[in-house]
Amino acid sequence: MDISIFESGPHTKYYLELNSSNAFGHYHPEFPIKLREFLLPAKTNKTLYTITLPIYESSIRSTAREFFIVYQKLDSNPKFFRKEADRYLLLVEEDRLDPYYLDRFILFLYPAFTDNEDPEESSRFVYRKGDESIDAQIVKELVGFWLRRKADGTDTDFILGLVELLKLYDPEFYSNRTAQSLN
C-alpha cells in the first residue's frame, strides 16, 4: 500500500494510542478501499477462497459478525448515529472526552438501551434477539470504532468492505441479518 493508514491522530508508526482524550486516529479515506482490494482477492480466486475459508471461520468470523451487528444497530437509527459521532468529535476537539465515555454503550445491544429516560425523547433502534449475548466490553469498543469512522468519514467504505467479506465467507449470516425482521 502506498498510502498511510492514518491522516491524523495520536498514533505513531509503531504504537496505537487508544486512550487519548484530545485525538483519535482519522483513517486516510483511501485506506479502507485499499484494504478491500488487498484482503478480498478470494472473490475471484476459487483456490484462494478454499484455502482462506478455514482461516476466516476459525479466526475472523466472530469478530466480523460482531462489527456488523453493532454497525447494523447504529445504522438502524441514522440520526442517533450522526449525533453521537458529532458529539464524540466535539468532545475530542475540545479535549473533554472522558476516558470512560464509551462505557455508556456497554448495554447498547440490549433491547432496552436508550439515550433518554423519557420514552418520547429516546432513540429507537432495531433489536435482534440474541445480540445482547456479545461481550459488553467488545460492544462498547465497537460502538467507539463506528462512531470514529462516522466522524472521520470512512464508515461507508469500511462497512462496504465488511459486507463484501461477509457475503464471501459468511453468506448465510449476512442473509439472515439483512432479511426483514418482525421485532
Protein backbone atom coordinates (compact mmCIF):
# COMPACT_ATOMS: atom_id res chain seq x y z
CA MET A 1 0.00 0.00 0.00
CA ASP A 2 1.41 3.35 -0.92
CA ILE A 3 -0.83 5.39 1.37
CA SER A 4 -0.64 5.95 5.09
CA ILE A 5 -3.21 4.26 7.29
CA PHE A 6 -4.00 7.41 9.28
CA GLU A 7 -4.24 11.01 8.13
CA SER A 8 -4.04 12.36 11.67
CA GLY A 9 -4.34 11.31 15.27
CA PRO A 10 -2.27 10.34 18.25
CA HIS A 11 -0.81 7.16 16.76
CA THR A 12 2.83 6.77 15.84
CA LYS A 13 4.36 4.50 13.25
CA TYR A 14 4.89 1.82 15.90
CA TYR A 15 2.22 2.47 18.52
CA LEU A 16 -1.56 2.85 18.59
CA GLU A 17 -2.56 5.40 21.22
CA LEU A 18 -6.04 4.27 22.23
CA ASN A 19 -6.64 6.42 25.30
CA SER A 20 -6.19 9.95 24.05
CA SER A 21 -8.73 12.49 25.29
CA ASN A 22 -7.97 15.02 22.56
CA ALA A 23 -7.35 13.00 19.40
CA PHE A 24 -8.25 9.80 17.62
CA GLY A 25 -6.90 8.17 14.50
CA HIS A 26 -8.51 9.60 11.39
CA TYR A 27 -8.10 6.96 8.73
CA HIS A 28 -6.85 8.02 5.34
CA PRO A 29 -10.00 7.94 3.15
CA GLU A 30 -8.37 5.57 0.66
CA PHE A 31 -7.22 3.11 3.33
CA PRO A 32 -10.46 1.08 3.63
CA ILE A 33 -10.71 0.95 -0.17
CA LYS A 34 -7.16 -0.39 -0.49
CA LEU A 35 -7.81 -2.76 2.40
CA ARG A 36 -10.71 -4.33 0.47
CA GLU A 37 -8.57 -4.70 -2.63
CA PHE A 38 -5.78 -6.45 -0.75
CA LEU A 39 -7.83 -8.59 1.63
CA LEU A 40 -10.54 -9.90 -0.66
CA PRO A 41 -8.75 -11.42 -3.65
CA ALA A 42 -10.52 -14.71 -2.90
CA LYS A 43 -13.61 -13.23 -4.55
CA THR A 44 -12.07 -14.05 -7.90
CA ASN A 45 -9.81 -16.95 -6.97
CA LYS A 46 -11.55 -20.20 -6.01
CA THR A 47 -8.34 -21.86 -4.81
CA LEU A 48 -7.53 -18.93 -2.56
CA TYR A 49 -11.09 -18.96 -1.25
CA THR A 50 -10.81 -22.66 -0.39
CA ILE A 51 -7.53 -22.07 1.43
CA THR A 52 -8.71 -18.98 3.33
CA LEU A 53 -12.21 -20.14 4.33
CA PRO A 54 -10.95 -22.17 7.34
CA ILE A 55 -8.90 -19.15 8.46
CA TYR A 56 -11.99 -16.95 8.25
CA GLU A 57 -14.06 -19.48 10.16
CA SER A 58 -11.55 -20.00 12.96
CA SER A 59 -10.06 -16.53 13.38
CA ILE A 60 -12.19 -13.83 11.74
CA ARG A 61 -15.85 -14.87 11.64
CA SER A 62 -16.77 -13.96 15.21
CA THR A 63 -15.13 -10.54 15.04
CA ALA A 64 -16.59 -9.74 11.61
CA ARG A 65 -20.05 -10.67 12.83
CA GLU A 66 -19.71 -8.51 15.94
CA PHE A 67 -18.56 -5.50 13.89
CA PHE A 68 -21.56 -5.96 11.59
CA ILE A 69 -24.12 -6.44 14.38
CA VAL A 70 -23.04 -3.25 16.17
CA TYR A 71 -22.96 -1.28 12.92
CA GLN A 72 -26.38 -2.59 11.96
CA LYS A 73 -27.92 -1.39 15.22
CA LEU A 74 -26.24 2.01 14.97
CA ASP A 75 -27.37 2.32 11.37
CA SER A 76 -30.95 1.45 12.33
CA ASN A 77 -31.13 4.97 13.73
CA PRO A 78 -29.06 7.23 11.44
CA LYS A 79 -30.00 10.38 13.34
CA PHE A 80 -28.65 8.93 16.60
CA PHE A 81 -25.54 7.60 14.83
CA ARG A 82 -24.70 11.01 13.34
CA LYS A 83 -25.50 12.86 16.58
CA GLU A 84 -23.27 10.57 18.62
CA ALA A 85 -20.41 10.78 16.12
CA ASP A 86 -20.64 14.58 16.15
CA ARG A 87 -20.73 14.62 19.96
CA TYR A 88 -17.69 12.33 20.15
CA LEU A 89 -15.78 14.52 17.67
CA LEU A 90 -16.67 17.71 19.56
CA LEU A 91 -15.55 16.25 22.89
CA VAL A 92 -12.25 15.17 21.34
CA GLU A 93 -11.70 18.55 19.68
CA GLU A 94 -12.40 20.34 22.98
CA ASP A 95 -10.17 17.90 24.92
CA ARG A 96 -13.16 16.92 27.05
CA LEU A 97 -13.55 13.24 26.18
CA ASP A 98 -13.94 11.34 29.44
CA PRO A 99 -11.80 8.17 29.45
CA TYR A 100 -14.96 6.22 30.36
CA TYR A 101 -17.15 7.87 27.71
CA LEU A 102 -17.80 4.63 25.83
CA ASP A 103 -18.95 2.83 29.00
CA ARG A 104 -22.41 4.29 28.34
CA PHE A 105 -22.63 1.86 25.41
CA ILE A 106 -21.94 -1.32 27.36
CA LEU A 107 -25.63 -2.25 27.11
CA PHE A 108 -26.05 -0.92 23.58
CA LEU A 109 -27.18 -4.27 22.14
CA TYR A 110 -29.83 -4.84 24.81
CA PRO A 111 -33.43 -4.23 23.76
CA ALA A 112 -33.99 -1.60 26.45
CA PHE A 113 -30.94 0.52 25.56
CA THR A 114 -31.90 4.16 25.40
CA ASP A 115 -30.23 7.54 25.29
CA ASN A 116 -33.03 9.25 27.22
CA GLU A 117 -35.28 8.24 30.11
CA ASP A 118 -38.28 9.94 28.50
CA PRO A 119 -39.84 7.39 26.11
CA GLU A 120 -40.97 10.18 23.79
CA GLU A 121 -37.44 11.56 23.52
CA SER A 122 -35.45 8.34 23.40
CA SER A 123 -33.88 6.96 20.25
CA ARG A 124 -35.38 3.88 18.64
CA PHE A 125 -33.33 1.01 17.26
CA VAL A 126 -33.92 -2.28 15.52
CA TYR A 127 -33.29 -5.03 18.05
CA ARG A 128 -32.48 -8.64 17.21
CA LYS A 129 -32.88 -11.34 19.80
CA GLY A 130 -29.55 -12.75 20.91
CA ASP A 131 -27.43 -9.71 20.05
CA GLU A 132 -27.11 -8.87 23.74
CA SER A 133 -25.00 -12.01 24.22
CA ILE A 134 -21.96 -10.28 22.70
CA ASP A 135 -19.43 -9.31 25.36
CA ALA A 136 -20.31 -5.83 26.65
CA GLN A 137 -16.68 -4.64 26.63
CA ILE A 138 -16.38 -5.57 22.97
CA VAL A 139 -19.69 -3.84 22.21
CA LYS A 140 -18.57 -0.52 23.69
CA GLU A 141 -15.27 -0.65 21.77
CA LEU A 142 -17.07 -1.43 18.53
CA VAL A 143 -19.51 1.44 19.08
CA GLY A 144 -16.45 3.64 19.57
CA PHE A 145 -14.87 2.33 16.37
CA TRP A 146 -18.00 3.06 14.33
CA LEU A 147 -18.52 6.50 15.90
CA ARG A 148 -14.95 7.42 15.00
CA ARG A 149 -15.42 6.08 11.46
CA LYS A 150 -18.60 8.14 11.09
CA ALA A 151 -16.69 11.16 12.41
CA ASP A 152 -13.74 10.72 10.02
CA GLY A 153 -15.98 9.82 7.08
CA THR A 154 -14.65 6.31 6.44
CA ASP A 155 -17.65 4.41 7.82
CA THR A 156 -19.19 3.77 4.41
CA ASP A 157 -16.03 2.27 2.92
CA PHE A 158 -15.36 0.16 6.00
CA ILE A 159 -18.89 -1.23 6.03
CA LEU A 160 -18.75 -1.93 2.29
CA GLY A 161 -15.61 -3.98 2.87
CA LEU A 162 -17.17 -5.78 5.79
CA VAL A 163 -20.28 -6.57 3.74
CA GLU A 164 -18.10 -7.95 0.92
CA LEU A 165 -16.24 -10.10 3.44
CA LEU A 166 -19.47 -11.43 4.95
CA LYS A 167 -21.08 -12.09 1.57
CA LEU A 168 -18.00 -14.04 0.51
CA TYR A 169 -17.25 -16.08 3.63
CA ASP A 170 -20.43 -15.91 5.68
CA PRO A 171 -23.35 -15.54 3.23
CA GLU A 172 -25.93 -17.30 5.41
CA PHE A 173 -25.20 -14.99 8.36
CA TYR A 174 -25.35 -11.93 6.12
CA SER A 175 -28.59 -13.04 4.52
CA ASN A 176 -30.20 -13.75 7.89
CA ARG A 177 -29.07 -10.41 9.30
CA THR A 178 -30.35 -8.40 6.35
CA ALA A 179 -33.68 -10.21 5.92
CA GLN A 180 -36.73 -8.28 7.08
CA SER A 181 -37.23 -8.71 10.82
CA LEU A 182 -40.55 -8.63 12.64
CA ASN A 183 -39.44 -7.37 16.08
